[in-house]
Amino acid sequence: MSRDAVYLALGAPNNVMKGSRAGKETEMWRYTSLQPVVSNSFFMGAGAGYFGPYGNRYWGPGFGPGMMTTTGTDFIPVTSAVIQFENAKVTGWERAQ
C-alpha cells in the first residue's frame, strides 16, 4: 500500500518521523485521538473567628465549615495507530485497542 492510499484511508497523520535503515528511506506516521479523563476533587475546610459589622471583633463568635466537590473532564492525546513505510510502501502497522 502506498502513502497516498494510507492518506486517503486514514487522513493526515498527527506526527511524521523520517529516517533510513539499511540504505532505504523509512517513514513512520503516527495517528492520535483524544481520550477523556474524568477527575473528581473534594475540598473541606473550617474557619473560626469573630464577626461583626465594620470589623467589630466584639459582636460574637462564629464558625464556618465548608465543603466543595468538583468533577472535571480533560482530554489527553493517545496514540491510536502507527504506520511504517519503507521506500514509500507500507511495511507494518500497529493499532491501539
N, C-alpha and C. Protein backbone atom coordinates (compact mmCIF):
# COMPACT_ATOMS: atom_id res chain seq x y z
N MET A 1 0.85 -1.17 0.00
CA MET A 1 0.00 0.00 0.00
C MET A 1 0.91 1.24 0.00
N SER A 2 0.53 2.24 -0.74
CA SER A 2 1.34 3.46 -0.86
C SER A 2 0.96 4.49 0.22
N ARG A 3 1.78 5.53 0.31
CA ARG A 3 1.46 6.63 1.24
C ARG A 3 0.14 7.28 0.89
N ASP A 4 -0.08 7.48 -0.42
CA ASP A 4 -1.33 8.12 -0.86
C ASP A 4 -2.56 7.30 -0.45
N ALA A 5 -2.46 5.97 -0.55
CA ALA A 5 -3.58 5.11 -0.17
C ALA A 5 -3.85 5.21 1.33
N VAL A 6 -2.79 5.25 2.13
CA VAL A 6 -2.96 5.39 3.59
C VAL A 6 -3.57 6.75 3.91
N TYR A 7 -3.11 7.79 3.23
CA TYR A 7 -3.64 9.14 3.44
C TYR A 7 -5.13 9.19 3.11
N LEU A 8 -5.52 8.56 2.01
CA LEU A 8 -6.94 8.53 1.65
C LEU A 8 -7.77 7.74 2.66
N ALA A 9 -7.20 6.66 3.20
CA ALA A 9 -7.94 5.81 4.14
C ALA A 9 -8.03 6.42 5.54
N LEU A 10 -6.91 7.02 6.03
CA LEU A 10 -6.87 7.47 7.41
C LEU A 10 -6.76 8.98 7.58
N GLY A 11 -6.46 9.70 6.52
CA GLY A 11 -6.29 11.14 6.62
C GLY A 11 -4.86 11.51 6.96
N ALA A 12 -4.67 12.78 7.27
CA ALA A 12 -3.33 13.29 7.58
C ALA A 12 -2.88 12.78 8.94
N PRO A 13 -1.62 12.35 9.05
CA PRO A 13 -1.12 11.90 10.36
C PRO A 13 -0.87 13.07 11.29
N ASN A 14 -0.86 12.81 12.58
CA ASN A 14 -0.56 13.84 13.57
C ASN A 14 0.93 14.07 13.73
N ASN A 15 1.74 13.07 13.36
CA ASN A 15 3.18 13.17 13.51
C ASN A 15 3.85 12.30 12.45
N VAL A 16 4.91 12.81 11.83
CA VAL A 16 5.67 12.06 10.82
C VAL A 16 7.13 12.05 11.24
N MET A 17 7.72 10.84 11.28
CA MET A 17 9.14 10.70 11.59
C MET A 17 9.82 10.04 10.40
N LYS A 18 10.95 10.62 9.97
CA LYS A 18 11.67 10.10 8.81
C LYS A 18 13.05 9.63 9.23
N GLY A 19 13.56 8.64 8.52
CA GLY A 19 14.90 8.12 8.78
C GLY A 19 15.33 7.20 7.66
N SER A 20 16.35 6.39 7.94
CA SER A 20 16.80 5.40 6.96
C SER A 20 17.27 4.16 7.70
N ARG A 21 17.12 3.02 7.03
CA ARG A 21 17.54 1.74 7.59
C ARG A 21 18.08 0.89 6.44
N ALA A 22 19.30 0.47 6.58
CA ALA A 22 19.96 -0.36 5.56
C ALA A 22 19.91 0.32 4.19
N GLY A 23 20.11 1.63 4.18
CA GLY A 23 20.15 2.37 2.92
C GLY A 23 18.79 2.65 2.31
N LYS A 24 17.72 2.30 3.01
CA LYS A 24 16.36 2.55 2.49
C LYS A 24 15.69 3.65 3.29
N GLU A 25 14.94 4.48 2.59
CA GLU A 25 14.20 5.56 3.24
C GLU A 25 13.07 4.97 4.07
N THR A 26 12.98 5.38 5.33
CA THR A 26 11.88 4.92 6.20
C THR A 26 11.09 6.12 6.69
N GLU A 27 9.86 5.85 6.98
CA GLU A 27 8.98 6.90 7.49
C GLU A 27 7.96 6.24 8.40
N MET A 28 7.59 6.94 9.48
CA MET A 28 6.59 6.43 10.41
C MET A 28 5.53 7.50 10.62
N TRP A 29 4.29 7.15 10.37
CA TRP A 29 3.18 8.07 10.57
C TRP A 29 2.47 7.66 11.86
N ARG A 30 2.25 8.63 12.73
CA ARG A 30 1.57 8.38 14.00
C ARG A 30 0.24 9.13 14.01
N TYR A 31 -0.82 8.41 14.32
CA TYR A 31 -2.15 8.99 14.44
C TYR A 31 -2.54 9.01 15.92
N THR A 32 -3.11 10.11 16.37
CA THR A 32 -3.55 10.22 17.76
C THR A 32 -5.03 10.54 17.81
N SER A 33 -5.63 10.19 18.94
CA SER A 33 -7.01 10.56 19.21
C SER A 33 -7.06 11.07 20.65
N LEU A 34 -8.15 11.69 21.01
CA LEU A 34 -8.29 12.26 22.35
C LEU A 34 -9.10 11.32 23.23
N GLN A 35 -8.56 11.02 24.41
CA GLN A 35 -9.23 10.14 25.36
C GLN A 35 -9.66 10.97 26.56
N PRO A 36 -10.94 10.86 26.96
CA PRO A 36 -11.40 11.63 28.12
C PRO A 36 -10.88 11.05 29.43
N VAL A 37 -10.50 11.91 30.34
CA VAL A 37 -10.07 11.52 31.67
C VAL A 37 -10.90 12.34 32.66
N VAL A 38 -11.68 11.66 33.47
CA VAL A 38 -12.55 12.33 34.43
C VAL A 38 -11.82 12.40 35.77
N SER A 39 -11.84 13.58 36.38
CA SER A 39 -11.22 13.74 37.69
C SER A 39 -12.24 14.29 38.68
N ASN A 40 -12.19 13.77 39.88
CA ASN A 40 -13.07 14.22 40.96
C ASN A 40 -12.20 14.80 42.07
N SER A 41 -12.61 15.92 42.62
CA SER A 41 -11.87 16.55 43.71
C SER A 41 -12.83 16.86 44.85
N PHE A 42 -12.30 16.76 46.06
CA PHE A 42 -13.08 17.04 47.25
C PHE A 42 -12.25 17.95 48.15
N PHE A 43 -12.81 19.06 48.56
CA PHE A 43 -12.13 20.00 49.43
C PHE A 43 -12.97 20.22 50.67
N MET A 44 -12.30 20.34 51.82
CA MET A 44 -13.02 20.58 53.06
C MET A 44 -12.18 21.51 53.93
N GLY A 45 -12.83 22.41 54.58
CA GLY A 45 -12.10 23.34 55.43
C GLY A 45 -13.01 23.91 56.50
N ALA A 46 -12.39 24.55 57.46
CA ALA A 46 -13.15 25.16 58.54
C ALA A 46 -12.47 26.46 58.94
N GLY A 47 -13.24 27.38 59.43
CA GLY A 47 -12.69 28.64 59.88
C GLY A 47 -13.42 29.11 61.14
N ALA A 48 -12.74 29.83 61.97
CA ALA A 48 -13.36 30.33 63.19
C ALA A 48 -12.87 31.75 63.43
N GLY A 49 -13.68 32.55 64.08
CA GLY A 49 -13.29 33.91 64.37
C GLY A 49 -14.47 34.72 64.87
N TYR A 50 -14.24 35.96 65.05
CA TYR A 50 -15.29 36.88 65.49
C TYR A 50 -15.75 37.70 64.30
N PHE A 51 -17.05 37.81 64.18
CA PHE A 51 -17.61 38.53 63.06
C PHE A 51 -18.44 39.70 63.56
N GLY A 52 -18.44 40.75 62.84
CA GLY A 52 -19.25 41.90 63.22
C GLY A 52 -19.19 42.95 62.12
N PRO A 53 -20.10 43.91 62.17
CA PRO A 53 -20.09 44.96 61.16
C PRO A 53 -18.84 45.81 61.26
N TYR A 54 -18.29 46.15 60.13
CA TYR A 54 -17.13 47.04 60.02
C TYR A 54 -15.92 46.52 60.79
N GLY A 55 -15.80 45.20 60.88
CA GLY A 55 -14.64 44.62 61.52
C GLY A 55 -14.71 44.63 63.04
N ASN A 56 -15.89 44.89 63.61
CA ASN A 56 -16.05 44.89 65.05
C ASN A 56 -15.85 43.47 65.56
N ARG A 57 -14.83 43.28 66.35
CA ARG A 57 -14.47 41.94 66.81
C ARG A 57 -15.27 41.53 68.03
N TYR A 58 -16.16 42.35 68.55
CA TYR A 58 -16.84 42.04 69.80
C TYR A 58 -18.31 41.68 69.59
N TRP A 59 -18.69 41.47 68.36
CA TRP A 59 -20.10 41.25 68.11
C TRP A 59 -20.51 39.81 68.39
N GLY A 60 -19.64 38.86 68.33
CA GLY A 60 -19.99 37.47 68.66
C GLY A 60 -19.11 36.48 67.92
N PRO A 61 -19.00 35.27 68.48
CA PRO A 61 -18.17 34.25 67.84
C PRO A 61 -18.87 33.65 66.63
N GLY A 62 -18.10 33.10 65.75
CA GLY A 62 -18.66 32.43 64.57
C GLY A 62 -17.79 31.26 64.15
N PHE A 63 -18.40 30.32 63.48
CA PHE A 63 -17.68 29.16 62.97
C PHE A 63 -18.18 28.89 61.57
N GLY A 64 -17.28 28.65 60.64
CA GLY A 64 -17.70 28.46 59.25
C GLY A 64 -17.10 27.24 58.59
N PRO A 65 -17.78 26.07 58.69
CA PRO A 65 -17.29 24.91 57.96
C PRO A 65 -17.63 25.03 56.48
N GLY A 66 -16.84 24.38 55.64
CA GLY A 66 -17.13 24.43 54.22
C GLY A 66 -16.69 23.15 53.52
N MET A 67 -17.43 22.79 52.51
CA MET A 67 -17.12 21.62 51.71
C MET A 67 -17.38 21.94 50.25
N MET A 68 -16.59 21.34 49.37
CA MET A 68 -16.80 21.55 47.95
C MET A 68 -16.34 20.31 47.19
N THR A 69 -17.12 19.90 46.22
CA THR A 69 -16.71 18.82 45.33
C THR A 69 -16.77 19.34 43.90
N THR A 70 -15.84 18.87 43.09
CA THR A 70 -15.84 19.24 41.68
C THR A 70 -15.57 18.00 40.84
N THR A 71 -16.09 18.02 39.65
CA THR A 71 -15.84 16.98 38.67
C THR A 71 -15.43 17.67 37.39
N GLY A 72 -14.35 17.22 36.81
CA GLY A 72 -13.88 17.81 35.56
C GLY A 72 -13.48 16.73 34.57
N THR A 73 -13.53 17.07 33.31
CA THR A 73 -13.10 16.15 32.25
C THR A 73 -12.03 16.83 31.43
N ASP A 74 -10.89 16.17 31.34
CA ASP A 74 -9.81 16.62 30.48
C ASP A 74 -9.65 15.61 29.35
N PHE A 75 -9.07 16.04 28.27
CA PHE A 75 -8.84 15.16 27.13
C PHE A 75 -7.34 15.10 26.86
N ILE A 76 -6.79 13.89 26.86
CA ILE A 76 -5.36 13.72 26.62
C ILE A 76 -5.16 12.98 25.30
N PRO A 77 -4.12 13.35 24.54
CA PRO A 77 -3.86 12.64 23.28
C PRO A 77 -3.23 11.27 23.54
N VAL A 78 -3.73 10.27 22.85
CA VAL A 78 -3.18 8.92 22.92
C VAL A 78 -2.92 8.42 21.50
N THR A 79 -1.92 7.59 21.34
CA THR A 79 -1.61 7.04 20.02
C THR A 79 -2.67 6.01 19.66
N SER A 80 -3.31 6.19 18.51
CA SER A 80 -4.33 5.25 18.07
C SER A 80 -3.84 4.34 16.95
N ALA A 81 -2.85 4.78 16.18
CA ALA A 81 -2.29 3.94 15.10
C ALA A 81 -0.92 4.45 14.70
N VAL A 82 -0.07 3.53 14.26
CA VAL A 82 1.26 3.85 13.73
C VAL A 82 1.42 3.06 12.44
N ILE A 83 1.78 3.75 11.36
CA ILE A 83 2.01 3.11 10.06
C ILE A 83 3.48 3.27 9.72
N GLN A 84 4.14 2.18 9.32
CA GLN A 84 5.55 2.21 8.97
C GLN A 84 5.71 2.02 7.46
N PHE A 85 6.53 2.89 6.87
CA PHE A 85 6.80 2.84 5.43
C PHE A 85 8.28 2.58 5.19
N GLU A 86 8.57 1.88 4.12
CA GLU A 86 9.95 1.73 3.65
C GLU A 86 9.90 1.88 2.14
N ASN A 87 10.70 2.84 1.62
CA ASN A 87 10.67 3.19 0.19
C ASN A 87 9.25 3.48 -0.28
N ALA A 88 8.52 4.26 0.53
CA ALA A 88 7.17 4.76 0.22
C ALA A 88 6.10 3.67 0.17
N LYS A 89 6.37 2.47 0.71
CA LYS A 89 5.37 1.39 0.77
C LYS A 89 5.20 0.95 2.22
N VAL A 90 4.00 0.58 2.59
CA VAL A 90 3.72 0.15 3.95
C VAL A 90 4.45 -1.16 4.24
N THR A 91 5.19 -1.18 5.36
CA THR A 91 5.87 -2.41 5.78
C THR A 91 5.34 -2.91 7.12
N GLY A 92 4.58 -2.10 7.81
CA GLY A 92 4.00 -2.53 9.09
C GLY A 92 3.04 -1.51 9.63
N TRP A 93 2.18 -1.96 10.54
CA TRP A 93 1.23 -1.06 11.17
C TRP A 93 0.90 -1.58 12.56
N GLU A 94 0.50 -0.69 13.44
CA GLU A 94 0.05 -1.02 14.78
C GLU A 94 -1.20 -0.20 15.07
N ARG A 95 -2.10 -0.82 15.80
CA ARG A 95 -3.34 -0.14 16.15
C ARG A 95 -3.64 -0.37 17.63
N ALA A 96 -4.01 0.68 18.32
CA ALA A 96 -4.35 0.56 19.74
C ALA A 96 -5.75 -0.01 19.88
N GLN A 97 -5.96 -0.75 20.95
CA GLN A 97 -7.30 -1.31 21.19
C GLN A 97 -7.95 -0.64 22.35
